[in-house]
PDB file of all heavy atoms in Angstrom:
ATOM      1  N   LEU A   1      81.784 253.831   1.448  1.00  0.00           N
ATOM      2  CA  LEU A   1      82.849 252.862   1.017  1.00  0.00           C
ATOM      3  C   LEU A   1      83.402 253.299  -0.338  1.00  0.00           C
ATOM      4  O   LEU A   1      84.598 253.125  -0.572  1.00  0.00           O
ATOM      5  CB  LEU A   1      82.220 251.429   0.923  1.00  0.00           C
ATOM      6  CG  LEU A   1      81.876 250.786   2.236  1.00  0.00           C
ATOM      7  CD1 LEU A   1      81.234 249.440   1.967  1.00  0.00           C
ATOM      8  CD2 LEU A   1      83.083 250.606   3.131  1.00  0.00           C
ATOM      9  N   GLU A   2      82.561 253.771  -1.258  1.00  0.00           N
ATOM     10  CA  GLU A   2      82.982 254.214  -2.593  1.00  0.00           C
ATOM     11  C   GLU A   2      83.912 255.405  -2.397  1.00  0.00           C
ATOM     12  O   GLU A   2      84.970 255.505  -3.163  1.00  0.00           O
ATOM     13  CB  GLU A   2      81.831 254.461  -3.446  1.00  0.00           C
ATOM     14  CG  GLU A   2      82.106 254.853  -4.875  1.00  0.00           C
ATOM     15  CD  GLU A   2      82.649 253.715  -5.659  1.00  0.00           C
ATOM     16  OE1 GLU A   2      82.448 252.481  -5.299  1.00  0.00           O
ATOM     17  OE2 GLU A   2      83.431 253.921  -6.644  1.00  0.00           O
ATOM     18  N   ALA A   3      83.565 256.274  -1.574  1.00  0.00           N
ATOM     19  CA  ALA A   3      84.449 257.563  -1.382  1.00  0.00           C
ATOM     20  C   ALA A   3      85.743 257.117  -0.817  1.00  0.00           C
ATOM     21  O   ALA A   3      86.777 257.563  -1.309  1.00  0.00           O
ATOM     22  CB  ALA A   3      83.693 258.419  -0.432  1.00  0.00           C
ATOM     23  N   ILE A   4      85.757 256.158   0.193  1.00  0.00           N
ATOM     24  CA  ILE A   4      87.073 255.769   0.669  1.00  0.00           C
ATOM     25  C   ILE A   4      87.950 255.069  -0.355  1.00  0.00           C
ATOM     26  O   ILE A   4      89.172 255.330  -0.423  1.00  0.00           O
ATOM     27  CB  ILE A   4      86.786 254.759   1.933  1.00  0.00           C
ATOM     28  CG1 ILE A   4      86.197 255.546   3.081  1.00  0.00           C
ATOM     29  CG2 ILE A   4      88.119 254.100   2.406  1.00  0.00           C
ATOM     30  CD1 ILE A   4      85.604 254.660   4.239  1.00  0.00           C
ATOM     31  N   SER A   5      87.331 254.172  -1.206  1.00  0.00           N
ATOM     32  CA  SER A   5      88.023 253.451  -2.122  1.00  0.00           C
ATOM     33  C   SER A   5      88.673 254.263  -3.298  1.00  0.00           C
ATOM     34  O   SER A   5      89.552 253.854  -4.015  1.00  0.00           O
ATOM     35  CB  SER A   5      87.279 252.313  -2.626  1.00  0.00           C
ATOM     36  OG  SER A   5      86.143 252.798  -3.492  1.00  0.00           O
ATOM     37  N   SER A   6      88.080 255.477  -3.479  1.00  0.00           N
ATOM     38  CA  SER A   6      88.473 256.320  -4.637  1.00  0.00           C
ATOM     39  C   SER A   6      89.512 257.316  -4.343  1.00  0.00           C
ATOM     40  O   SER A   6      90.093 258.063  -5.224  1.00  0.00           O
ATOM     41  CB  SER A   6      87.201 257.144  -5.041  1.00  0.00           C
ATOM     42  OG  SER A   6      86.885 258.108  -4.038  1.00  0.00           O
ATOM     43  N   CYS A   7      89.992 257.244  -2.993  1.00  0.00           N
ATOM     44  CA  CYS A   7      91.100 258.261  -2.694  1.00  0.00           C
ATOM     45  C   CYS A   7      91.941 257.906  -1.580  1.00  0.00           C
ATOM     46  O   CYS A   7      91.756 256.753  -0.966  1.00  0.00           O
ATOM     47  CB  CYS A   7      90.366 259.612  -2.426  1.00  0.00           C
ATOM     48  SG  CYS A   7      89.314 259.495  -0.862  1.00  0.00           S
ATOM     49  N   ASP A   8      92.914 258.829  -1.181  1.00  0.00           N
ATOM     50  CA  ASP A   8      93.712 258.614  -0.009  1.00  0.00           C
ATOM     51  C   ASP A   8      93.034 259.046   1.334  1.00  0.00           C
ATOM     52  O   ASP A   8      93.208 258.467   2.307  1.00  0.00           O
ATOM     53  CB  ASP A   8      94.998 259.251  -0.184  1.00  0.00           C
ATOM     54  CG  ASP A   8      95.811 258.804  -1.458  1.00  0.00           C
ATOM     55  OD1 ASP A   8      95.837 257.519  -1.611  1.00  0.00           O
ATOM     56  OD2 ASP A   8      96.249 259.680  -2.248  1.00  0.00           O
ATOM     57  N   GLU A   9      92.365 260.148   1.124  1.00  0.00           N
ATOM     58  CA  GLU A   9      91.658 260.741   2.280  1.00  0.00           C
ATOM     59  C   GLU A   9      90.247 261.197   1.882  1.00  0.00           C
ATOM     60  O   GLU A   9      90.128 261.815   0.752  1.00  0.00           O
ATOM     61  CB  GLU A   9      92.416 262.018   2.723  1.00  0.00           C
ATOM     62  CG  GLU A   9      93.777 261.660   3.564  1.00  0.00           C
ATOM     63  CD  GLU A   9      94.363 262.938   4.067  1.00  0.00           C
ATOM     64  OE1 GLU A   9      94.379 263.872   3.307  1.00  0.00           O
ATOM     65  OE2 GLU A   9      94.880 262.872   5.138  1.00  0.00           O
ATOM     66  N   ILE A  10      89.297 261.130   2.757  1.00  0.00           N
ATOM     67  CA  ILE A  10      87.993 261.677   2.456  1.00  0.00           C
ATOM     68  C   ILE A  10      87.805 263.025   3.223  1.00  0.00           C
ATOM     69  O   ILE A  10      88.447 263.212   4.289  1.00  0.00           O
ATOM     70  CB  ILE A  10      86.816 260.713   2.838  1.00  0.00           C
ATOM     71  CG1 ILE A  10      86.732 260.446   4.260  1.00  0.00           C
ATOM     72  CG2 ILE A  10      87.007 259.439   2.050  1.00  0.00           C
ATOM     73  CD1 ILE A  10      85.423 259.850   4.720  1.00  0.00           C
ATOM     74  N   VAL A  11      86.927 263.773   2.697  1.00  0.00           N
ATOM     75  CA  VAL A  11      86.524 265.019   3.392  1.00  0.00           C
ATOM     76  C   VAL A  11      85.069 264.858   3.756  1.00  0.00           C
ATOM     77  O   VAL A  11      84.161 265.106   2.973  1.00  0.00           O
ATOM     78  CB  VAL A  11      86.603 266.238   2.480  1.00  0.00           C
ATOM     79  CG1 VAL A  11      86.271 267.561   3.263  1.00  0.00           C
ATOM     80  CG2 VAL A  11      88.067 266.342   1.892  1.00  0.00           C
ATOM     81  N   PRO A  12      84.761 264.361   4.980  1.00  0.00           N
ATOM     82  CA  PRO A  12      83.374 264.176   5.366  1.00  0.00           C
ATOM     83  C   PRO A  12      82.663 265.465   5.713  1.00  0.00           C
ATOM     84  O   PRO A  12      83.232 266.323   6.469  1.00  0.00           O
ATOM     85  CB  PRO A  12      83.538 263.365   6.599  1.00  0.00           C
ATOM     86  CG  PRO A  12      84.843 263.644   7.227  1.00  0.00           C
ATOM     87  CD  PRO A  12      85.684 263.994   6.077  1.00  0.00           C
ATOM     88  N   VAL A  13      81.444 265.725   5.173  1.00  0.00           N
ATOM     89  CA  VAL A  13      80.845 267.047   5.312  1.00  0.00           C
ATOM     90  C   VAL A  13      79.343 266.788   5.490  1.00  0.00           C
ATOM     91  O   VAL A  13      78.749 265.986   4.847  1.00  0.00           O
ATOM     92  CB  VAL A  13      81.139 267.933   4.171  1.00  0.00           C
ATOM     93  CG1 VAL A  13      80.676 267.495   2.839  1.00  0.00           C
ATOM     94  CG2 VAL A  13      80.545 269.349   4.476  1.00  0.00           C
ATOM     95  N   PHE A  14      78.798 267.613   6.375  1.00  0.00           N
ATOM     96  CA  PHE A  14      77.274 267.749   6.371  1.00  0.00           C
ATOM     97  C   PHE A  14      76.977 269.215   6.224  1.00  0.00           C
ATOM     98  O   PHE A  14      77.615 270.128   6.902  1.00  0.00           O
ATOM     99  CB  PHE A  14      76.703 267.253   7.661  1.00  0.00           C
ATOM    100  CG  PHE A  14      75.139 267.242   7.636  1.00  0.00           C
ATOM    101  CD1 PHE A  14      74.488 266.082   7.335  1.00  0.00           C
ATOM    102  CD2 PHE A  14      74.355 268.360   7.836  1.00  0.00           C
ATOM    103  CE1 PHE A  14      73.142 265.978   7.233  1.00  0.00           C
ATOM    104  CE2 PHE A  14      73.026 268.390   7.716  1.00  0.00           C
ATOM    105  CZ  PHE A  14      72.356 267.226   7.494  1.00  0.00           C
ATOM    106  N   ILE A  15      76.077 269.618   5.274  1.00  0.00           N
ATOM    107  CA  ILE A  15      75.752 271.049   5.074  1.00  0.00           C
ATOM    108  C   ILE A  15      74.443 271.274   5.641  1.00  0.00           C
ATOM    109  O   ILE A  15      73.409 270.737   5.158  1.00  0.00           O
ATOM    110  CB  ILE A  15      75.805 271.385   3.558  1.00  0.00           C
ATOM    111  CG1 ILE A  15      77.169 270.838   2.911  1.00  0.00           C
ATOM    112  CG2 ILE A  15      75.553 272.729   3.167  1.00  0.00           C
ATOM    113  CD1 ILE A  15      77.204 270.972   1.444  1.00  0.00           C
ATOM    114  N   LEU A  16      74.371 272.261   6.606  1.00  0.00           N
ATOM    115  CA  LEU A  16      73.089 272.659   7.129  1.00  0.00           C
ATOM    116  C   LEU A  16      72.248 273.490   6.111  1.00  0.00           C
ATOM    117  O   LEU A  16      72.767 274.394   5.634  1.00  0.00           O
ATOM    118  CB  LEU A  16      73.374 273.491   8.402  1.00  0.00           C
ATOM    119  CG  LEU A  16      74.139 272.741   9.547  1.00  0.00           C
ATOM    120  CD1 LEU A  16      74.515 273.671  10.720  1.00  0.00           C
ATOM    121  CD2 LEU A  16      73.267 271.622  10.168  1.00  0.00           C
ATOM    122  N   ASP A  17      71.119 272.946   5.993  1.00  0.00           N
ATOM    123  CA  ASP A  17      70.088 273.496   4.953  1.00  0.00           C
ATOM    124  C   ASP A  17      69.114 274.408   5.655  1.00  0.00           C
ATOM    125  O   ASP A  17      68.307 273.919   6.344  1.00  0.00           O
ATOM    126  CB  ASP A  17      69.432 272.428   4.143  1.00  0.00           C
ATOM    127  CG  ASP A  17      68.629 273.008   3.034  1.00  0.00           C
ATOM    128  OD1 ASP A  17      68.050 273.978   3.110  1.00  0.00           O
ATOM    129  OD2 ASP A  17      68.663 272.190   1.967  1.00  0.00           O
ATOM    130  N   LYS A  18      69.213 275.721   5.573  1.00  0.00           N
ATOM    131  CA  LYS A  18      68.339 276.634   6.280  1.00  0.00           C
ATOM    132  C   LYS A  18      66.879 276.384   5.953  1.00  0.00           C
ATOM    133  O   LYS A  18      66.016 276.474   6.882  1.00  0.00           O
ATOM    134  CB  LYS A  18      68.718 278.084   5.936  1.00  0.00           C
ATOM    135  CG  LYS A  18      67.987 279.107   6.733  1.00  0.00           C
ATOM    136  CD  LYS A  18      68.344 280.559   6.423  1.00  0.00           C
ATOM    137  CE  LYS A  18      67.636 281.559   7.393  1.00  0.00           C
ATOM    138  NZ  LYS A  18      66.251 281.464   7.394  1.00  0.00           N
ATOM    139  N   LYS A  19      66.590 276.110   4.696  1.00  0.00           N
ATOM    140  CA  LYS A  19      65.231 275.880   4.311  1.00  0.00           C
ATOM    141  C   LYS A  19      64.629 274.725   5.078  1.00  0.00           C
ATOM    142  O   LYS A  19      63.569 274.726   5.610  1.00  0.00           O
ATOM    143  CB  LYS A  19      65.121 275.709   2.732  1.00  0.00           C
ATOM    144  CG  LYS A  19      63.648 275.629   2.338  1.00  0.00           C
ATOM    145  CD  LYS A  19      63.524 275.600   0.826  1.00  0.00           C
ATOM    146  CE  LYS A  19      62.087 275.455   0.338  1.00  0.00           C
ATOM    147  NZ  LYS A  19      61.944 275.461  -1.139  1.00  0.00           N
ATOM    148  N   LEU A  20      65.363 273.622   5.085  1.00  0.00           N
ATOM    149  CA  LEU A  20      64.970 272.484   5.886  1.00  0.00           C
ATOM    150  C   LEU A  20      64.838 272.657   7.332  1.00  0.00           C
ATOM    151  O   LEU A  20      63.927 272.236   7.944  1.00  0.00           O
ATOM    152  CB  LEU A  20      65.770 271.225   5.541  1.00  0.00           C
ATOM    153  CG  LEU A  20      65.692 270.651   4.103  1.00  0.00           C
ATOM    154  CD1 LEU A  20      66.634 269.454   3.967  1.00  0.00           C
ATOM    155  CD2 LEU A  20      64.261 270.194   3.706  1.00  0.00           C
ATOM    156  N   ILE A  21      65.825 273.349   7.791  1.00  0.00           N
ATOM    157  CA  ILE A  21      65.841 273.649   9.267  1.00  0.00           C
ATOM    158  C   ILE A  21      64.586 274.417   9.655  1.00  0.00           C
ATOM    159  O   ILE A  21      63.967 274.209  10.739  1.00  0.00           O
ATOM    160  CB  ILE A  21      67.138 274.375   9.673  1.00  0.00           C
ATOM    161  CG1 ILE A  21      68.328 273.330   9.564  1.00  0.00           C
ATOM    162  CG2 ILE A  21      67.074 274.942  11.167  1.00  0.00           C
ATOM    163  CD1 ILE A  21      69.788 274.011   9.647  1.00  0.00           C
ATOM    164  N   ASP A  22      64.400 275.452   8.918  1.00  0.00           N
ATOM    165  CA  ASP A  22      63.141 276.306   9.182  1.00  0.00           C
ATOM    166  C   ASP A  22      61.844 275.499   9.177  1.00  0.00           C
ATOM    167  O   ASP A  22      60.913 275.995   9.827  1.00  0.00           O
ATOM    168  CB  ASP A  22      63.095 277.459   8.244  1.00  0.00           C
ATOM    169  CG  ASP A  22      64.247 278.523   8.355  1.00  0.00           C
ATOM    170  OD1 ASP A  22      64.879 278.527   9.461  1.00  0.00           O
ATOM    171  OD2 ASP A  22      64.528 279.376   7.499  1.00  0.00           O
ATOM    172  N   ALA A  23      61.837 274.384   8.443  1.00  0.00           N
ATOM    173  CA  ALA A  23      60.691 273.680   8.348  1.00  0.00           C
ATOM    174  C   ALA A  23      60.597 272.519   9.280  1.00  0.00           C
ATOM    175  O   ALA A  23      59.613 271.580   9.194  1.00  0.00           O
ATOM    176  CB  ALA A  23      60.437 273.161   6.856  1.00  0.00           C
ATOM    177  N   THR A  24      61.558 272.442  10.152  1.00  0.00           N
ATOM    178  CA  THR A  24      61.683 271.300  11.140  1.00  0.00           C
ATOM    179  C   THR A  24      61.346 271.682  12.530  1.00  0.00           C
ATOM    180  O   THR A  24      61.787 272.703  12.980  1.00  0.00           O
ATOM    181  CB  THR A  24      63.155 270.735  10.970  1.00  0.00           C
ATOM    182  OG1 THR A  24      63.369 270.348   9.702  1.00  0.00           O
ATOM    183  CG2 THR A  24      63.307 269.496  11.961  1.00  0.00           C
ATOM    184  N   GLY A  25      60.595 270.836  13.116  1.00  0.00           N
ATOM    185  CA  GLY A  25      60.145 271.066  14.537  1.00  0.00           C
ATOM    186  C   GLY A  25      61.312 270.945  15.555  1.00  0.00           C
ATOM    187  O   GLY A  25      62.290 270.395  15.255  1.00  0.00           O
TER     188      GLY A  25
END
């Protein structure tokens, strides 16, 4: 909500974290 209210358009992103992925079953 804060991101939306602060701008005209948001850039939604998820960044894949190799370290976490390697440690995940």
